[in-house]
Amino acid sequence: MTEIASPHISRPRIVVLGVQPGDPPFRIVEVDGEVVGAAHSLTDVLALAAEAGVLVHDCDDPDMVRWVGGGKFRWTPH
């Protein structure tokens, strides 16, 4: 049986992946399914999104931004 994609399931335009160890730690940012860069802060996420043509008005809107492995204030590894 094949699954049919539902038009009611939304995919956020921006996905911020979990914190990666580094000096300093960072998070990979995807916009519309494409990796656009590494962010070290929320400001970096907004700048990378803007460079990709996406303006974020609400970082807490799950239809716009998905935070994987911690929210917008998580910038250090566990």
Protein backbone atom coordinates (compact mmCIF):
# COMPACT_ATOMS: atom_id res chain seq x y z
CA MET A 1 0.00 0.00 0.00
CA THR A 2 1.37 3.43 -0.86
CA GLU A 3 0.87 6.48 1.26
CA ILE A 4 -0.57 9.63 -0.22
CA ALA A 5 0.87 12.87 1.09
CA SER A 6 -1.76 14.87 2.87
CA PRO A 7 -2.03 18.52 1.88
CA HIS A 8 -2.86 19.26 5.53
CA ILE A 9 0.55 18.24 6.90
CA SER A 10 2.84 21.20 6.79
CA ARG A 11 6.61 21.08 6.70
CA PRO A 12 8.35 24.03 8.29
CA ARG A 13 10.45 26.16 5.94
CA ILE A 14 13.34 26.25 8.41
CA VAL A 15 14.82 23.32 10.33
CA VAL A 16 17.51 23.94 12.95
CA LEU A 17 19.27 20.69 13.75
CA GLY A 18 20.69 19.69 17.13
CA VAL A 19 23.78 21.23 18.66
CA GLN A 20 27.08 19.91 17.29
CA PRO A 21 30.23 19.95 19.40
CA GLY A 22 32.77 22.48 18.28
CA ASP A 23 34.62 25.54 19.43
CA PRO A 24 32.14 27.17 19.58
CA PRO A 25 29.26 24.67 19.31
CA PHE A 26 26.96 25.16 16.32
CA ARG A 27 23.70 24.02 14.74
CA ILE A 28 23.13 23.21 11.06
CA VAL A 29 20.31 25.22 9.46
CA GLU A 30 18.17 24.02 6.57
CA VAL A 31 15.81 26.21 4.57
CA ASP A 32 13.28 24.51 2.29
CA GLY A 33 15.20 21.23 2.65
CA GLU A 34 18.60 22.66 1.70
CA VAL A 35 21.51 23.17 4.10
CA VAL A 36 22.26 26.90 4.19
CA GLY A 37 24.92 27.03 6.88
CA ALA A 38 25.96 26.68 10.49
CA ALA A 39 24.56 28.90 13.22
CA HIS A 40 26.15 29.78 16.55
CA SER A 41 23.15 31.77 17.80
CA LEU A 42 19.53 32.64 17.11
CA THR A 43 20.74 35.74 15.27
CA ASP A 44 22.73 33.52 12.90
CA VAL A 45 19.60 31.44 12.19
CA LEU A 46 17.65 34.57 11.29
CA ALA A 47 20.49 35.88 9.09
CA LEU A 48 20.87 32.55 7.24
CA ALA A 49 17.12 32.40 6.66
CA ALA A 50 17.06 35.98 5.36
CA GLU A 51 19.97 35.23 3.01
CA ALA A 52 17.88 32.34 1.65
CA GLY A 53 14.94 34.69 1.14
CA VAL A 54 12.86 33.71 4.16
CA LEU A 55 11.97 36.33 6.75
CA VAL A 56 11.08 34.92 10.15
CA HIS A 57 8.56 36.88 12.17
CA ASP A 58 7.99 34.29 14.90
CA CYS A 59 10.72 31.80 15.87
CA ASP A 60 8.19 29.91 18.00
CA ASP A 61 5.82 29.21 15.08
CA PRO A 62 6.17 25.46 14.42
CA ASP A 63 4.83 25.95 10.89
CA MET A 64 7.84 28.20 10.16
CA VAL A 65 10.71 26.84 12.30
CA ARG A 66 11.38 23.36 13.66
CA TRP A 67 13.96 23.19 16.44
CA VAL A 68 15.52 19.70 16.65
CA GLY A 69 17.27 18.71 19.86
CA GLY A 70 16.39 21.81 21.83
CA GLY A 71 14.76 25.17 21.33
CA LYS A 72 16.03 28.54 20.23
CA PHE A 73 17.99 29.05 23.46
CA ARG A 74 19.90 25.71 23.26
CA TRP A 75 23.42 26.38 21.94
CA THR A 76 25.56 24.00 24.00
CA PRO A 77 25.78 20.20 23.68
CA HIS A 78 24.28 18.04 26.41
